[in-house]
PDB file of N, CA and C in Angstrom:
ATOM      1  N   MET A   1     -20.938 -20.265   0.000  1.00  0.00           N
ATOM      2  CA  MET A   1     -19.899 -20.009  -0.978  1.00  0.00           C
ATOM      3  C   MET A   1     -19.524 -18.522  -0.913  1.00  0.00           C
ATOM      4  N   PRO A   2     -18.243 -18.197  -0.695  1.00  0.00           N
ATOM      5  CA  PRO A   2     -17.830 -16.784  -0.632  1.00  0.00           C
ATOM      6  C   PRO A   2     -17.960 -16.102  -1.989  1.00  0.00           C
ATOM      7  N   ARG A   3     -18.314 -14.853  -1.934  1.00  0.00           N
ATOM      8  CA  ARG A   3     -18.432 -14.063  -3.160  1.00  0.00           C
ATOM      9  C   ARG A   3     -17.134 -13.293  -3.382  1.00  0.00           C
ATOM     10  N   PRO A   4     -16.760 -13.067  -4.623  1.00  0.00           N
ATOM     11  CA  PRO A   4     -15.564 -12.251  -4.899  1.00  0.00           C
ATOM     12  C   PRO A   4     -15.808 -10.804  -4.485  1.00  0.00           C
ATOM     13  N   VAL A   5     -14.751 -10.141  -4.113  1.00  0.00           N
ATOM     14  CA  VAL A   5     -14.837  -8.754  -3.670  1.00  0.00           C
ATOM     15  C   VAL A   5     -13.980  -7.894  -4.580  1.00  0.00           C
ATOM     16  N   LEU A   6     -14.514  -6.754  -4.967  1.00  0.00           N
ATOM     17  CA  LEU A   6     -13.778  -5.783  -5.763  1.00  0.00           C
ATOM     18  C   LEU A   6     -13.681  -4.511  -4.940  1.00  0.00           C
ATOM     19  N   LEU A   7     -12.457  -4.072  -4.676  1.00  0.00           N
ATOM     20  CA  LEU A   7     -12.225  -2.933  -3.794  1.00  0.00           C
ATOM     21  C   LEU A   7     -11.589  -1.789  -4.577  1.00  0.00           C
ATOM     22  N   PHE A   8     -12.170  -0.606  -4.460  1.00  0.00           N
ATOM     23  CA  PHE A   8     -11.607   0.590  -5.072  1.00  0.00           C
ATOM     24  C   PHE A   8     -11.048   1.466  -3.967  1.00  0.00           C
ATOM     25  N   ASP A   9      -9.791   1.855  -4.087  1.00  0.00           N
ATOM     26  CA  ASP A   9      -9.146   2.712  -3.089  1.00  0.00           C
ATOM     27  C   ASP A   9      -8.761   4.021  -3.766  1.00  0.00           C
ATOM     28  N   LEU A  10      -9.751   4.868  -4.011  1.00  0.00           N
ATOM     29  CA  LEU A  10      -9.504   6.094  -4.764  1.00  0.00           C
ATOM     30  C   LEU A  10      -9.024   7.253  -3.898  1.00  0.00           C
ATOM     31  N   ASP A  11      -9.066   7.115  -2.604  1.00  0.00           N
ATOM     32  CA  ASP A  11      -8.619   8.223  -1.763  1.00  0.00           C
ATOM     33  C   ASP A  11      -7.204   8.026  -1.249  1.00  0.00           C
ATOM     34  N   GLY A  12      -6.535   6.936  -1.641  1.00  0.00           N
ATOM     35  CA  GLY A  12      -5.138   6.744  -1.284  1.00  0.00           C
ATOM     36  C   GLY A  12      -4.896   6.178   0.091  1.00  0.00           C
ATOM     37  N   THR A  13      -5.888   5.608   0.748  1.00  0.00           N
ATOM     38  CA  THR A  13      -5.695   5.063   2.088  1.00  0.00           C
ATOM     39  C   THR A  13      -4.839   3.808   2.065  1.00  0.00           C
ATOM     40  N   LEU A  14      -5.031   2.955   1.075  1.00  0.00           N
ATOM     41  CA  LEU A  14      -4.295   1.696   1.006  1.00  0.00           C
ATOM     42  C   LEU A  14      -3.123   1.747   0.038  1.00  0.00           C
ATOM     43  N   ALA A  15      -3.240   2.530  -1.004  1.00  0.00           N
ATOM     44  CA  ALA A  15      -2.184   2.614  -2.023  1.00  0.00           C
ATOM     45  C   ALA A  15      -2.093   4.042  -2.537  1.00  0.00           C
ATOM     46  N   ASP A  16      -0.881   4.455  -2.876  1.00  0.00           N
ATOM     47  CA  ASP A  16      -0.682   5.792  -3.432  1.00  0.00           C
ATOM     48  C   ASP A  16      -0.972   5.738  -4.924  1.00  0.00           C
ATOM     49  N   THR A  17      -2.170   6.130  -5.297  1.00  0.00           N
ATOM     50  CA  THR A  17      -2.605   6.040  -6.695  1.00  0.00           C
ATOM     51  C   THR A  17      -2.668   7.399  -7.383  1.00  0.00           C
ATOM     52  N   ALA A  18      -2.111   8.416  -6.762  1.00  0.00           N
ATOM     53  CA  ALA A  18      -2.182   9.766  -7.327  1.00  0.00           C
ATOM     54  C   ALA A  18      -1.578   9.830  -8.725  1.00  0.00           C
ATOM     55  N   ALA A  19      -0.460   9.169  -8.936  1.00  0.00           N
ATOM     56  CA  ALA A  19       0.179   9.201 -10.256  1.00  0.00           C
ATOM     57  C   ALA A  19      -0.716   8.557 -11.309  1.00  0.00           C
ATOM     58  N   ASP A  20      -1.384   7.469 -10.954  1.00  0.00           N
ATOM     59  CA  ASP A  20      -2.292   6.803 -11.885  1.00  0.00           C
ATOM     60  C   ASP A  20      -3.497   7.678 -12.196  1.00  0.00           C
ATOM     61  N   LEU A  21      -4.062   8.304 -11.170  1.00  0.00           N
ATOM     62  CA  LEU A  21      -5.208   9.183 -11.382  1.00  0.00           C
ATOM     63  C   LEU A  21      -4.823  10.397 -12.218  1.00  0.00           C
ATOM     64  N   CYS A  22      -3.621  10.900 -12.007  1.00  0.00           N
ATOM     65  CA  CYS A  22      -3.135  12.038 -12.797  1.00  0.00           C
ATOM     66  C   CYS A  22      -2.982  11.640 -14.264  1.00  0.00           C
ATOM     67  N   GLU A  23      -2.409  10.480 -14.514  1.00  0.00           N
ATOM     68  CA  GLU A  23      -2.224  10.038 -15.894  1.00  0.00           C
ATOM     69  C   GLU A  23      -3.578   9.825 -16.576  1.00  0.00           C
ATOM     70  N   THR A  24      -4.531   9.248 -15.861  1.00  0.00           N
ATOM     71  CA  THR A  24      -5.873   9.071 -16.423  1.00  0.00           C
ATOM     72  C   THR A  24      -6.497  10.419 -16.748  1.00  0.00           C
ATOM     73  N   THR A  25      -6.341  11.376 -15.844  1.00  0.00           N
ATOM     74  CA  THR A  25      -6.842  12.731 -16.086  1.00  0.00           C
ATOM     75  C   THR A  25      -6.205  13.319 -17.336  1.00  0.00           C
ATOM     76  N   ASN A  26      -4.900  13.134 -17.479  1.00  0.00           N
ATOM     77  CA  ASN A  26      -4.194  13.684 -18.640  1.00  0.00           C
ATOM     78  C   ASN A  26      -4.617  13.022 -19.944  1.00  0.00           C
ATOM     79  N   VAL A  27      -4.873  11.733 -19.927  1.00  0.00           N
ATOM     80  CA  VAL A  27      -5.357  11.055 -21.135  1.00  0.00           C
ATOM     81  C   VAL A  27      -6.694  11.656 -21.561  1.00  0.00           C
ATOM     82  N   ILE A  28      -7.585  11.862 -20.601  1.00  0.00           N
ATOM     83  CA  ILE A  28      -8.899  12.437 -20.915  1.00  0.00           C
ATOM     84  C   ILE A  28      -8.754  13.881 -21.402  1.00  0.00           C
ATOM     85  N   LEU A  29      -7.888  14.647 -20.750  1.00  0.00           N
ATOM     86  CA  LEU A  29      -7.659  16.026 -21.196  1.00  0.00           C
ATOM     87  C   LEU A  29      -7.158  16.057 -22.631  1.00  0.00           C
ATOM     88  N   GLU A  30      -6.192  15.191 -22.962  1.00  0.00           N
ATOM     89  CA  GLU A  30      -5.641  15.156 -24.317  1.00  0.00           C
ATOM     90  C   GLU A  30      -6.695  14.736 -25.341  1.00  0.00           C
ATOM     91  N   MET A  31      -7.593  13.818 -24.948  1.00  0.00           N
ATOM     92  CA  MET A  31      -8.662  13.395 -25.859  1.00  0.00           C
ATOM     93  C   MET A  31      -9.564  14.569 -26.235  1.00  0.00           C
ATOM     94  N   HIS A  32      -9.613  15.569 -25.371  1.00  0.00           N
ATOM     95  CA  HIS A  32     -10.468  16.733 -25.607  1.00  0.00           C
ATOM     96  C   HIS A  32      -9.656  17.972 -26.004  1.00  0.00           C
ATOM     97  N   GLY A  33      -8.407  17.725 -26.442  1.00  0.00           N
ATOM     98  CA  GLY A  33      -7.584  18.813 -26.950  1.00  0.00           C
ATOM     99  C   GLY A  33      -7.057  19.763 -25.891  1.00  0.00           C
ATOM    100  N   ARG A  34      -7.036  19.318 -24.653  1.00  0.00           N
ATOM    101  CA  ARG A  34      -6.567  20.174 -23.560  1.00  0.00           C
ATOM    102  C   ARG A  34      -5.123  19.848 -23.211  1.00  0.00           C
ATOM    103  N   THR A  35      -4.477  20.741 -22.490  1.00  0.00           N
ATOM    104  CA  THR A  35      -3.089  20.575 -22.068  1.00  0.00           C
ATOM    105  C   THR A  35      -2.987  19.656 -20.854  1.00  0.00           C
ATOM    106  N   ARG A  36      -1.952  18.830 -20.854  1.00  0.00           N
ATOM    107  CA  ARG A  36      -1.693  17.959 -19.696  1.00  0.00           C
ATOM    108  C   ARG A  36      -1.383  18.796 -18.465  1.00  0.00           C
ATOM    109  N   VAL A  37      -1.655  18.259 -17.301  1.00  0.00           N
ATOM    110  CA  VAL A  37      -1.322  18.929 -16.046  1.00  0.00           C
ATOM    111  C   VAL A  37      -0.267  18.107 -15.320  1.00  0.00           C
ATOM    112  N   PRO A  38       0.655  18.768 -14.617  1.00  0.00           N
ATOM    113  CA  PRO A  38       1.684  18.032 -13.890  1.00  0.00           C
ATOM    114  C   PRO A  38       1.097  17.317 -12.669  1.00  0.00           C
ATOM    115  N   GLU A  39       1.743  16.233 -12.277  1.00  0.00           N
ATOM    116  CA  GLU A  39       1.276  15.453 -11.128  1.00  0.00           C
ATOM    117  C   GLU A  39       1.171  16.302  -9.866  1.00  0.00           C
ATOM    118  N   ALA A  40       2.093  17.217  -9.667  1.00  0.00           N
ATOM    119  CA  ALA A  40       2.069  18.060  -8.463  1.00  0.00           C
ATOM    120  C   ALA A  40       0.778  18.874  -8.366  1.00  0.00           C
ATOM    121  N   ARG A  41       0.226  19.227  -9.510  1.00  0.00           N
ATOM    122  CA  ARG A  41      -1.009  20.011  -9.514  1.00  0.00           C
ATOM    123  C   ARG A  41      -2.226  19.153  -9.161  1.00  0.00           C
ATOM    124  N   VAL A  42      -2.150  17.861  -9.440  1.00  0.00           N
ATOM    125  CA  VAL A  42      -3.257  16.953  -9.165  1.00  0.00           C
ATOM    126  C   VAL A  42      -3.137  16.319  -7.782  1.00  0.00           C
ATOM    127  N   ARG A  43      -1.916  16.065  -7.337  1.00  0.00           N
ATOM    128  CA  ARG A  43      -1.670  15.298  -6.114  1.00  0.00           C
ATOM    129  C   ARG A  43      -2.404  15.896  -4.909  1.00  0.00           C
ATOM    130  N   HIS A  44      -2.483  17.185  -4.775  1.00  0.00           N
ATOM    131  CA  HIS A  44      -3.137  17.776  -3.597  1.00  0.00           C
ATOM    132  C   HIS A  44      -4.653  17.553  -3.616  1.00  0.00           C
ATOM    133  N   LEU A  45      -5.187  17.155  -4.778  1.00  0.00           N
ATOM    134  CA  LEU A  45      -6.623  16.925  -4.882  1.00  0.00           C
ATOM    135  C   LEU A  45      -7.023  15.506  -4.487  1.00  0.00           C
ATOM    136  N   VAL A  46      -6.055  14.598  -4.434  1.00  0.00           N
ATOM    137  CA  VAL A  46      -6.342  13.184  -4.111  1.00  0.00           C
ATOM    138  C   VAL A  46      -5.406  12.735  -3.000  1.00  0.00           C
ATOM    139  N   GLY A  47      -5.757  11.647  -2.375  1.00  0.00           N
ATOM    140  CA  GLY A  47      -4.906  11.068  -1.341  1.00  0.00           C
ATOM    141  C   GLY A  47      -5.207  11.624   0.039  1.00  0.00           C
ATOM    142  N   GLY A  48      -4.508  11.101   1.006  1.00  0.00           N
ATOM    143  CA  GLY A  48      -4.680  11.541   2.378  1.00  0.00           C
ATOM    144  C   GLY A  48      -5.748  10.776   3.126  1.00  0.00           C
ATOM    145  N   GLY A  49      -6.570  10.013   2.412  1.00  0.00           N
ATOM    146  CA  GLY A  49      -7.605   9.239   3.069  1.00  0.00           C
ATOM    147  C   GLY A  49      -8.684  10.110   3.707  1.00  0.00           C
ATOM    148  N   ALA A  50      -9.567   9.466   4.392  1.00  0.00           N
ATOM    149  CA  ALA A  50     -10.665  10.187   5.036  1.00  0.00           C
ATOM    150  C   ALA A  50     -10.142  10.935   6.236  1.00  0.00           C
TER     151      ALA A  50
END
Protein backbone atom coordinates (compact mmCIF):
# COMPACT_ATOMS: atom_id res chain seq x y z
CA MET A 1 0.00 0.00 0.00
CA PRO A 2 1.56 3.37 -1.02
CA ARG A 3 2.10 5.91 1.70
CA PRO A 4 1.10 9.57 1.27
CA VAL A 5 3.93 11.99 0.63
CA LEU A 6 4.23 15.53 1.94
CA LEU A 7 6.75 17.69 0.09
CA PHE A 8 8.10 21.04 1.26
CA ASP A 9 9.76 23.22 -1.38
CA LEU A 10 11.17 26.05 0.72
CA ASP A 11 14.10 26.90 -1.53
CA GLY A 12 11.98 27.73 -4.58
CA THR A 13 13.13 24.91 -6.86
CA LEU A 14 9.62 23.78 -7.78
CA ALA A 15 7.53 26.86 -6.98
CA ASP A 16 8.21 30.54 -6.41
CA THR A 17 7.16 30.84 -2.78
CA ALA A 18 9.12 33.97 -1.87
CA ALA A 19 5.99 36.11 -1.62
CA ASP A 20 4.36 33.59 0.73
CA LEU A 21 7.47 33.35 2.90
CA CYS A 22 7.70 37.14 3.02
CA GLU A 23 4.07 37.47 4.10
CA THR A 24 4.57 34.84 6.81
CA THR A 25 7.65 36.72 8.00
CA ASN A 26 5.66 39.95 8.11
CA VAL A 27 2.81 38.38 10.09
CA ILE A 28 5.32 37.17 12.70
CA LEU A 29 7.08 40.55 12.76
CA GLU A 30 3.76 42.34 13.32
CA MET A 31 2.84 39.91 16.12
CA HIS A 32 5.99 41.10 17.89
CA GLY A 33 5.41 44.80 17.23
CA ARG A 34 8.00 45.04 14.48
CA THR A 35 7.78 46.80 11.11
CA ARG A 36 6.90 44.86 7.97
CA VAL A 37 9.64 44.34 5.40
CA PRO A 38 9.14 44.65 1.64
CA GLU A 39 9.25 41.51 -0.50
CA ALA A 40 12.33 42.78 -2.35
CA ARG A 41 14.26 42.75 0.92
CA VAL A 42 13.31 39.12 1.62
CA ARG A 43 13.41 37.70 -1.93
CA HIS A 44 17.23 37.61 -2.12
CA LEU A 45 17.28 35.44 1.01
CA VAL A 46 15.10 32.67 -0.48
CA GLY A 47 14.78 30.95 -3.82
CA GLY A 48 17.29 29.96 -6.43
CA GLY A 49 17.34 26.34 -5.34
CA ALA A 50 20.43 24.43 -4.37
